[in-house]
Amino acid sequence: MRIVIAGAGEVGTHLAKLLSREDMEISLLDEDPERLGDLSANYDLLTRAGNPTSIHDLREVGVEGCDLFISVTPHETENMTACLIANSLGAKRTLARIDNYEYLLPENKIFFEDMGLNHLIYPEVLAANEIEASLRTNWMRYHLQLCQGALELCIIKVRETAKVLGQTFASGIYNHGKYRIVAIKRDQQTIIPRGQDTVEVNDLVYCVCPKENMEFMREELGKNKREIKNVIFFGGDRIARKAATELVDEMNIKIIEKDRDLCNTLSEKVPNALIINADGSDMDVLKEEGIQEADAFVAVTDSSEANIFACLAAKRFGVRKTIAEVENLDYIPMAEGLDIGTVLNKKTIAASYIYQMLLDASVRGVHNLTNADAEIVEFYAKEDSKVTKNKVRDLDIPDEANIAGIVRAGEGVLVNGDTQIISGDLVVVFCKSHVIRNLERYFK
């Protein structure tokens, strides 16, 4: 597969590095040679300095006949123009990064496809959606609906009150069939649990369960429900605007933003939220705006460092739920080690969305997990595919993968060793990122 990426910013560079691990021909185009740096020397990809909207430069980088052209520069108009030109030059599919939510509305999909724009991605909206889900299920670090809600993925920080502490998986404690722990994150290591593994205090556990069993799982893992009514956003960018718009009818939203012009925009776009023109990194400002009474604090400025330290300050003031946008990938392990709460990264979210389009047709969906080098993948089991030949215990699935559940006739069911997957099942698999390609052969 041949892929051309225009834009060597954070999203484009991260995506190029991710795809370079695969058996693909990757080309990265950017106007600024310094951004390209020594990427071609360190990764299996080609780089070229050029203008994404230049017909000459697009031809030179090999856009004619490429399987996918991706334009993820910071400029929406440039991305859309580049995709239109690439389509005219013979690119088989195109994807543009945008910043206009109207373009994502379902009624506009055919309009853009007719123009030659096959896919549109708005990373800030994807991040805002994760914030909304996190605030609505506040006893978890992260929550994701799988297979259109048939199953739920829940990431939970284990505390001393959990009933399952120190019990091996072989002990039978999890044989209730109500939820399944598919992975454990401990000291920056992602563990696929086997018989003698145990759950320990401060582990992040990755659980899959049907929605009706979430209360049982919460009690087993010692988590208490907390109602979130008062939320403070530090930073008023697109992520904050979109999340606040969706939440403002359910919660009391306060946005602290130091840019006056942006505050005026927020006042128009989110009229029911309280907009404060101040520096949210100032502790006196936070105290004055009632940080002690806040149920949740969400830091989404363009500075990873400021977001991390603001969440630490909020924790010191007694805020139980904190969410930080951390765009510097090197800072994510540190942020998790400091126990600041939910960590978001637009690059990994966007890369997961794009990566999904490059997999076999048996793949229904891929969900990248920011706080683990892992994915949740939804596979269709095809007739006579390898995964239908034996019970789960005899499938010889890679050690770095774990079949969590299936959806059959619209009903989510957890798997065990005796489960027999049949043609037509939608199979949910937790796996390390690098084994997805190996798993595809089980479902073809």
Protein backbone atom coordinates (compact mmCIF):
# COMPACT_ATOMS: atom_id res chain seq x y z
CA MET A 1 0.00 0.00 0.00
CA ARG A 2 1.28 3.44 -0.95
CA ILE A 3 0.36 6.42 1.24
CA VAL A 4 1.23 10.10 0.86
CA ILE A 5 0.95 12.39 3.90
CA ALA A 6 0.98 16.18 3.51
CA GLY A 7 1.91 18.09 6.65
CA ALA A 8 4.80 17.21 8.94
CA GLY A 9 3.25 18.74 12.04
CA GLU A 10 2.45 16.74 15.16
CA VAL A 11 -0.37 14.68 13.64
CA GLY A 12 1.34 14.04 10.30
CA THR A 13 4.70 13.13 11.80
CA HIS A 14 3.19 10.83 14.43
CA LEU A 15 1.08 9.10 11.80
CA ALA A 16 4.04 8.69 9.43
CA LYS A 17 6.12 7.12 12.20
CA LEU A 18 3.26 4.78 13.14
CA LEU A 19 2.66 3.65 9.56
CA SER A 20 6.37 3.25 8.82
CA ARG A 21 6.32 0.15 11.06
CA GLU A 22 3.95 -1.50 8.59
CA ASP A 23 4.72 -3.02 5.21
CA MET A 24 3.73 0.19 3.41
CA GLU A 25 5.38 2.81 1.24
CA ILE A 26 5.04 6.09 3.14
CA SER A 27 5.89 9.55 1.74
CA LEU A 28 5.78 12.71 3.87
CA LEU A 29 5.49 16.16 2.27
CA ASP A 30 5.94 19.55 3.95
CA GLU A 31 6.90 23.07 2.90
CA ASP A 32 9.43 23.42 5.73
CA PRO A 33 12.51 21.18 5.27
CA GLU A 34 13.40 21.64 8.96
CA ARG A 35 10.20 19.87 10.00
CA LEU A 36 11.19 16.86 7.93
CA GLY A 37 14.59 16.81 9.63
CA ASP A 38 16.16 13.37 9.64
CA LEU A 39 12.90 11.41 9.59
CA SER A 40 13.87 9.47 6.46
CA ALA A 41 17.15 8.42 8.12
CA ASN A 42 15.46 7.15 11.29
CA TYR A 43 12.24 5.71 9.87
CA ASP A 44 11.28 3.67 6.81
CA LEU A 45 9.68 6.52 4.89
CA LEU A 46 10.44 9.07 2.18
CA THR A 47 10.40 12.81 2.81
CA ARG A 48 10.13 15.69 0.38
CA ALA A 49 9.99 19.47 0.82
CA GLY A 50 7.14 20.93 -1.20
CA ASN A 51 3.79 22.71 -1.25
CA PRO A 52 0.76 20.42 -0.61
CA THR A 53 -1.32 22.49 -3.04
CA SER A 54 1.27 22.47 -5.85
CA ILE A 55 0.37 20.14 -8.72
CA HIS A 56 4.08 19.80 -9.53
CA ASP A 57 5.06 18.93 -5.95
CA LEU A 58 2.20 16.46 -5.52
CA ARG A 59 3.24 14.68 -8.70
CA GLU A 60 6.86 14.64 -7.56
CA VAL A 61 5.95 13.02 -4.23
CA GLY A 62 4.03 10.30 -6.07
CA VAL A 63 0.40 11.14 -5.43
CA GLU A 64 -0.73 9.68 -8.78
CA GLY A 65 -2.18 6.24 -8.14
CA CYS A 66 -1.46 6.26 -4.38
CA ASP A 67 -3.86 4.25 -2.24
CA LEU A 68 -4.47 7.04 0.23
CA PHE A 69 -3.60 10.73 0.30
CA ILE A 70 -3.75 12.36 3.76
CA SER A 71 -3.51 16.12 4.28
CA VAL A 72 -3.12 17.13 7.93
CA THR A 73 -1.49 20.57 7.80
CA PRO A 74 -2.79 23.13 10.35
CA HIS A 75 -4.80 24.86 7.61
CA GLU A 76 -8.21 23.49 6.69
CA THR A 77 -8.42 25.21 3.29
CA GLU A 78 -4.98 23.93 2.32
CA ASN A 79 -5.92 20.38 3.34
CA MET A 80 -9.15 20.38 1.36
CA THR A 81 -7.51 21.92 -1.71
CA ALA A 82 -4.65 19.40 -1.55
CA CYS A 83 -7.15 16.51 -1.41
CA LEU A 84 -9.13 17.83 -4.37
CA ILE A 85 -5.96 18.12 -6.45
CA ALA A 86 -4.73 14.68 -5.30
CA ASN A 87 -8.07 13.16 -6.28
CA SER A 88 -7.84 14.74 -9.74
CA LEU A 89 -4.29 13.42 -10.11
CA GLY A 90 -5.42 9.86 -9.43
CA ALA A 91 -5.23 9.27 -5.66
CA LYS A 92 -7.63 6.41 -4.85
CA ARG A 93 -8.80 7.86 -1.52
CA THR A 94 -8.28 11.17 0.27
CA LEU A 95 -8.51 12.39 3.85
CA ALA A 96 -8.42 16.01 5.06
CA ARG A 97 -7.99 17.44 8.54
CA ILE A 98 -10.62 20.12 9.11
CA ASP A 99 -11.73 22.57 11.79
CA ASN A 100 -15.33 23.21 10.74
CA TYR A 101 -17.79 20.96 12.53
CA GLU A 102 -20.48 21.61 9.92
CA TYR A 103 -18.51 19.56 7.41
CA LEU A 104 -18.87 16.45 9.58
CA LEU A 105 -22.67 16.48 9.55
CA PRO A 106 -24.02 13.29 7.93
CA GLU A 107 -26.01 15.19 5.31
CA ASN A 108 -22.76 16.65 3.93
CA LYS A 109 -20.92 13.35 3.49
CA ILE A 110 -22.08 12.64 -0.09
CA PHE A 111 -21.44 16.27 -1.06
CA PHE A 112 -17.77 16.01 -0.13
CA GLU A 113 -17.35 12.53 -1.58
CA ASP A 114 -18.67 13.78 -4.92
CA MET A 115 -15.97 16.45 -4.81
CA GLY A 116 -13.24 13.86 -4.17
CA LEU A 117 -12.97 14.21 -0.39
CA ASN A 118 -13.57 10.71 0.95
CA HIS A 119 -12.80 11.25 4.65
CA LEU A 120 -12.73 14.25 6.99
CA ILE A 121 -11.16 14.26 10.44
CA TYR A 122 -11.44 16.85 13.21
CA PRO A 123 -9.03 15.75 16.00
CA GLU A 124 -10.29 18.37 18.45
CA VAL A 125 -13.84 17.05 18.17
CA LEU A 126 -12.62 13.50 18.78
CA ALA A 127 -10.79 14.70 21.91
CA ALA A 128 -13.86 16.64 23.09
CA ASN A 129 -15.96 13.49 22.74
CA GLU A 130 -13.55 11.66 25.05
CA ILE A 131 -13.79 14.46 27.62
CA GLU A 132 -17.58 14.25 27.58
CA ALA A 133 -17.51 10.48 28.10
CA SER A 134 -14.96 10.79 30.90
CA LEU A 135 -17.01 13.36 32.81
CA ARG A 136 -20.22 11.36 32.48
CA THR A 137 -18.59 8.18 33.84
CA ASN A 138 -16.45 9.86 36.45
CA TRP A 139 -15.43 6.85 38.56
CA MET A 140 -13.34 5.61 35.63
CA ARG A 141 -10.23 7.02 34.03
CA TYR A 142 -11.62 6.31 30.58
CA HIS A 143 -14.80 4.89 29.11
CA LEU A 144 -15.58 3.79 25.57
CA GLN A 145 -18.62 2.17 24.01
CA LEU A 146 -17.74 -0.77 21.77
CA CYS A 147 -19.78 -2.25 18.95
CA GLN A 148 -22.40 0.52 19.11
CA GLY A 149 -22.86 0.08 22.86
CA ALA A 150 -23.17 -3.71 22.99
CA LEU A 151 -20.05 -3.82 25.19
CA GLU A 152 -18.21 -1.22 27.28
CA LEU A 153 -14.49 -0.65 27.75
CA CYS A 154 -13.66 0.80 31.17
CA ILE A 155 -10.21 1.82 32.41
CA ILE A 156 -10.16 1.99 36.20
CA LYS A 157 -7.52 2.96 38.77
CA VAL A 158 -7.46 0.30 41.48
CA ARG A 159 -7.47 1.52 45.09
CA GLU A 160 -7.18 -0.23 48.45
CA THR A 161 -10.94 -0.86 48.61
CA ALA A 162 -11.02 -3.25 45.63
CA LYS A 163 -12.29 -6.74 46.48
CA VAL A 164 -10.02 -8.45 43.95
CA LEU A 165 -6.61 -7.35 45.25
CA GLY A 166 -3.92 -10.03 45.30
CA GLN A 167 -6.13 -12.74 43.79
CA THR A 168 -4.64 -14.67 40.88
CA PHE A 169 -6.64 -15.03 37.70
CA ALA A 170 -6.29 -18.80 38.05
CA SER A 171 -8.12 -18.67 41.41
CA GLY A 172 -11.48 -18.44 39.67
CA ILE A 173 -12.38 -15.07 41.16
CA TYR A 174 -13.26 -13.76 37.69
CA ASN A 175 -15.33 -16.76 36.63
CA HIS A 176 -18.55 -14.81 37.28
CA GLY A 177 -18.66 -13.88 33.58
CA LYS A 178 -19.90 -10.35 34.31
CA TYR A 179 -16.78 -8.45 33.30
CA ARG A 180 -13.39 -9.36 31.92
CA ILE A 181 -10.02 -7.76 32.73
CA VAL A 182 -8.18 -7.80 29.40
CA ALA A 183 -5.07 -5.87 30.46
CA ILE A 184 -3.27 -4.30 33.40
CA LYS A 185 -1.07 -1.20 33.24
CA ARG A 186 1.57 -1.23 35.99
CA ASP A 187 4.67 0.98 36.19
CA GLN A 188 4.43 1.93 32.49
CA GLN A 189 4.19 -1.75 31.51
CA THR A 190 1.08 -3.16 29.80
CA ILE A 191 0.39 -6.71 30.99
CA ILE A 192 -1.92 -9.18 29.24
CA PRO A 193 -2.99 -11.17 32.33
CA ARG A 194 -2.42 -14.90 32.59
CA GLY A 195 -3.25 -17.43 35.30
CA GLN A 196 -0.73 -16.36 37.97
CA ASP A 197 -1.07 -12.59 37.46
CA THR A 198 -2.81 -10.51 40.12
CA VAL A 199 -4.39 -7.06 40.42
CA GLU A 200 -2.49 -4.72 42.74
CA VAL A 201 -3.12 -1.29 44.29
CA ASN A 202 -2.60 1.59 41.81
CA ASP A 203 -2.90 -0.67 38.76
CA LEU A 204 -4.86 0.64 35.80
CA VAL A 205 -7.13 -2.22 34.78
CA TYR A 206 -8.76 -2.45 31.35
CA CYS A 207 -12.16 -4.09 31.65
CA VAL A 208 -14.76 -5.09 29.08
CA CYS A 209 -18.33 -5.78 30.15
CA PRO A 210 -21.96 -5.54 29.03
CA LYS A 211 -23.58 -2.30 30.19
CA GLU A 212 -25.90 -4.08 32.65
CA ASN A 213 -22.90 -5.38 34.61
CA MET A 214 -21.09 -2.07 35.10
CA GLU A 215 -22.47 -1.56 38.63
CA PHE A 216 -21.27 -5.01 39.68
CA MET A 217 -17.82 -4.25 38.24
CA ARG A 218 -17.70 -0.88 40.00
CA GLU A 219 -18.41 -2.47 43.37
CA GLU A 220 -15.92 -5.31 42.81
CA LEU A 221 -13.18 -2.81 42.01
CA GLY A 222 -14.02 -0.63 45.02
CA LYS A 223 -15.04 2.54 43.17
CA ASN A 224 -17.60 5.05 44.47
CA LYS A 225 -19.96 7.06 42.31
CA ARG A 226 -19.51 10.82 42.44
CA GLU A 227 -21.89 13.25 40.82
CA ILE A 228 -20.18 15.90 38.74
CA LYS A 229 -22.02 19.22 38.57
CA ASN A 230 -19.33 21.93 38.69
CA VAL A 231 -16.64 21.77 35.98
CA ILE A 232 -13.80 24.24 35.36
CA PHE A 233 -12.05 24.30 31.97
CA PHE A 234 -8.54 25.77 31.86
CA GLY A 235 -8.20 26.97 28.26
CA GLY A 236 -10.90 27.85 25.77
CA ASP A 237 -9.75 26.25 22.51
CA ARG A 238 -11.91 24.18 20.15
CA ILE A 239 -11.76 21.14 22.43
CA ALA A 240 -13.13 23.11 25.39
CA ARG A 241 -15.76 24.80 23.22
CA LYS A 242 -17.09 21.54 21.78
CA ALA A 243 -17.06 19.67 25.12
CA ALA A 244 -18.66 22.59 26.98
CA THR A 245 -21.38 22.91 24.34
CA GLU A 246 -22.37 19.27 24.84
CA LEU A 247 -22.20 19.37 28.65
CA VAL A 248 -23.54 22.81 29.54
CA ASP A 249 -27.17 21.65 29.90
CA GLU A 250 -26.14 18.95 32.40
CA MET A 251 -23.37 20.66 34.37
CA ASN A 252 -22.29 24.08 35.56
CA ILE A 253 -19.46 24.98 33.18
CA LYS A 254 -16.83 27.65 33.83
CA ILE A 255 -14.10 28.37 31.24
CA ILE A 256 -10.97 30.31 32.23
CA GLU A 257 -9.19 31.77 29.20
CA LYS A 258 -6.62 34.59 29.14
CA ASP A 259 -7.19 35.61 25.50
CA ARG A 260 -9.90 38.29 25.52
CA ASP A 261 -10.90 37.82 21.87
CA LEU A 262 -11.33 34.09 22.42
CA CYS A 263 -13.43 34.83 25.50
CA ASN A 264 -15.76 36.95 23.37
CA THR A 265 -16.08 34.07 20.88
CA LEU A 266 -16.79 31.61 23.70
CA SER A 267 -19.50 33.90 25.10
CA GLU A 268 -21.26 33.71 21.75
CA LYS A 269 -20.73 30.00 21.10
CA VAL A 270 -21.42 28.72 24.64
CA PRO A 271 -23.80 31.35 26.09
CA ASN A 272 -24.85 29.23 29.08
CA ALA A 273 -21.27 28.77 30.32
CA LEU A 274 -19.50 31.28 32.56
CA ILE A 275 -16.47 32.69 30.71
CA ILE A 276 -13.62 34.13 32.81
CA ASN A 277 -10.94 36.27 31.16
CA ALA A 278 -7.96 35.38 33.35
CA ASP A 279 -4.84 33.22 33.56
CA GLY A 280 -5.88 29.79 34.80
CA SER A 281 -2.31 28.92 35.78
CA ASP A 282 -2.48 31.57 38.52
CA MET A 283 -3.34 29.88 41.82
CA ASP A 284 -5.05 33.02 43.13
CA VAL A 285 -7.31 33.04 40.08
CA LEU A 286 -8.23 29.39 40.63
CA LYS A 287 -9.08 30.03 44.27
CA GLU A 288 -11.09 33.11 43.38
CA GLU A 289 -13.08 31.14 40.81
CA GLY A 290 -13.96 28.42 43.31
CA ILE A 291 -11.57 25.59 42.52
CA GLN A 292 -12.27 24.15 45.99
CA GLU A 293 -15.92 23.59 45.02
CA ALA A 294 -15.21 22.11 41.60
CA ASP A 295 -16.07 18.46 40.97
CA ALA A 296 -13.86 18.28 37.86
CA PHE A 297 -11.02 20.27 36.29
CA VAL A 298 -10.17 19.99 32.57
CA ALA A 299 -6.89 21.50 31.28
CA VAL A 300 -6.82 21.90 27.49
CA THR A 301 -4.40 24.74 26.77
CA ASP A 302 -1.78 24.37 24.02
CA SER A 303 0.91 23.74 26.66
CA SER A 304 1.29 20.15 27.92
CA GLU A 305 3.36 21.38 30.86
CA ALA A 306 0.77 23.95 31.92
CA ASN A 307 -2.01 21.36 31.69
CA ILE A 308 -0.13 18.83 33.82
CA PHE A 309 0.80 21.32 36.53
CA ALA A 310 -2.68 22.86 36.56
CA CYS A 311 -4.19 19.42 37.16
CA LEU A 312 -1.71 18.81 39.96
CA ALA A 313 -2.76 22.12 41.52
CA ALA A 314 -6.44 21.17 41.17
CA LYS A 315 -5.72 17.88 42.94
CA ARG A 316 -4.08 19.83 45.75
CA PHE A 317 -7.25 21.88 46.11
CA GLY A 318 -9.26 18.67 46.48
CA VAL A 319 -10.68 18.22 42.96
CA ARG A 320 -11.32 14.51 42.50
CA LYS A 321 -11.61 14.35 38.70
CA THR A 322 -8.93 15.94 36.51
CA ILE A 323 -8.37 15.67 32.75
CA ALA A 324 -5.26 16.93 30.93
CA GLU A 325 -4.57 17.30 27.24
CA VAL A 326 -0.93 16.20 26.89
CA GLU A 327 0.28 16.60 23.31
CA ASN A 328 3.93 15.86 24.06
CA LEU A 329 4.03 12.06 23.90
CA ASP A 330 7.16 11.96 26.06
CA TYR A 331 5.22 13.55 28.93
CA ILE A 332 2.40 10.99 29.04
CA PRO A 333 4.21 8.43 31.26
CA MET A 334 5.17 11.24 33.65
CA ALA A 335 1.59 12.53 33.74
CA GLU A 336 0.30 9.06 34.57
CA GLY A 337 2.99 8.58 37.21
CA LEU A 338 1.85 11.80 38.89
CA ASP A 339 -1.68 10.34 39.03
CA ILE A 340 -3.28 13.42 37.50
CA GLY A 341 -6.26 11.50 36.11
CA THR A 342 -7.34 11.13 32.50
CA VAL A 343 -4.72 11.97 29.85
CA LEU A 344 -5.75 12.88 26.29
CA ASN A 345 -3.63 13.16 23.16
CA LYS A 346 -5.09 14.38 19.85
CA LYS A 347 -2.34 12.77 17.79
CA THR A 348 -3.00 9.25 18.99
CA ILE A 349 -6.76 9.72 18.67
CA ALA A 350 -6.44 10.97 15.09
CA ALA A 351 -3.89 8.30 14.18
CA SER A 352 -6.22 5.58 15.46
CA TYR A 353 -9.03 6.89 13.28
CA ILE A 354 -6.83 7.00 10.17
CA TYR A 355 -5.11 3.69 10.87
CA GLN A 356 -8.49 1.98 10.93
CA MET A 357 -8.99 2.74 7.22
CA LEU A 358 -5.82 0.89 6.29
CA LEU A 359 -6.71 -2.46 7.79
CA ASP A 360 -8.45 -5.43 6.23
CA ALA A 361 -12.17 -5.27 5.51
CA SER A 362 -12.74 -7.70 8.41
CA VAL A 363 -11.87 -4.87 10.81
CA ARG A 364 -14.95 -2.97 11.92
CA GLY A 365 -13.20 -0.49 14.23
CA VAL A 366 -9.92 0.38 15.96
CA HIS A 367 -9.68 2.39 19.18
CA ASN A 368 -6.26 3.65 20.19
CA LEU A 369 -5.64 3.87 23.94
CA THR A 370 -3.56 6.92 24.87
CA ASN A 371 -2.30 5.51 28.15
CA ALA A 372 -1.14 2.16 26.73
CA ASP A 373 0.71 0.97 23.67
CA ALA A 374 -2.41 -0.94 22.75
CA GLU A 375 -5.62 -0.95 20.75
CA ILE A 376 -9.14 -2.29 21.09
CA VAL A 377 -10.03 -3.80 17.72
CA GLU A 378 -13.44 -4.94 16.48
CA PHE A 379 -13.15 -7.79 13.94
CA TYR A 380 -15.84 -9.47 11.85
CA ALA A 381 -15.51 -13.25 11.86
CA LYS A 382 -15.91 -14.34 8.24
CA GLU A 383 -17.19 -17.72 7.11
CA ASP A 384 -14.47 -20.39 7.31
CA SER A 385 -12.01 -17.92 8.88
CA LYS A 386 -9.39 -19.40 11.21
CA VAL A 387 -11.01 -17.87 14.31
CA THR A 388 -14.13 -20.03 13.77
CA LYS A 389 -12.25 -23.35 13.57
CA ASN A 390 -11.60 -23.94 17.30
CA LYS A 391 -12.67 -22.85 20.74
CA VAL A 392 -10.94 -19.72 22.03
CA ARG A 393 -8.53 -21.68 24.24
CA ASP A 394 -7.21 -23.55 21.16
CA LEU A 395 -6.82 -20.63 18.75
CA ASP A 396 -3.14 -19.94 19.47
CA ILE A 397 -3.79 -16.18 19.58
CA PRO A 398 -0.55 -14.14 20.08
CA ASP A 399 0.44 -13.66 23.73
CA GLU A 400 0.12 -9.89 23.31
CA ALA A 401 -3.57 -10.14 22.44
CA ASN A 402 -6.68 -11.02 24.42
CA ILE A 403 -10.14 -11.78 23.01
CA ALA A 404 -12.49 -9.88 25.31
CA GLY A 405 -15.98 -10.48 24.00
CA ILE A 406 -18.26 -11.01 21.03
CA VAL A 407 -21.43 -9.44 19.75
CA ARG A 408 -23.88 -11.97 18.34
CA ALA A 409 -27.36 -10.99 17.11
CA GLY A 410 -26.82 -7.57 18.68
CA GLU A 411 -26.07 -8.91 22.17
CA GLY A 412 -22.69 -8.44 23.84
CA VAL A 413 -21.23 -11.56 25.45
CA LEU A 414 -17.92 -12.05 27.27
CA VAL A 415 -15.74 -14.92 26.12
CA ASN A 416 -13.97 -17.68 28.03
CA GLY A 417 -11.79 -20.57 26.94
CA ASP A 418 -14.81 -22.66 25.90
CA THR A 419 -16.37 -19.96 23.70
CA GLN A 420 -16.84 -20.96 20.05
CA ILE A 421 -16.77 -17.97 17.69
CA ILE A 422 -19.01 -18.39 14.64
CA SER A 423 -19.32 -16.67 11.29
CA GLY A 424 -20.94 -13.25 11.59
CA ASP A 425 -19.78 -12.60 15.16
CA LEU A 426 -18.25 -9.20 15.90
CA VAL A 427 -15.19 -10.02 18.00
CA VAL A 428 -13.59 -7.50 20.39
CA VAL A 429 -9.83 -7.96 20.85
CA PHE A 430 -7.42 -6.07 23.11
CA CYS A 431 -3.89 -6.17 21.70
CA LYS A 432 -0.54 -4.44 21.60
CA SER A 433 -0.39 -2.06 18.65
CA HIS A 434 2.19 -4.01 16.67
CA VAL A 435 0.23 -7.29 16.52
CA ILE A 436 -2.90 -6.04 14.73
CA ARG A 437 -1.59 -7.18 11.35
CA ASN A 438 -0.87 -10.65 12.74
CA LEU A 439 -4.42 -10.89 14.06
CA GLU A 440 -5.99 -10.07 10.69
CA ARG A 441 -5.16 -13.52 9.33
CA TYR A 442 -7.39 -15.15 11.96
CA PHE A 443 -10.44 -13.32 10.59
CA LYS A 444 -9.92 -13.49 6.81
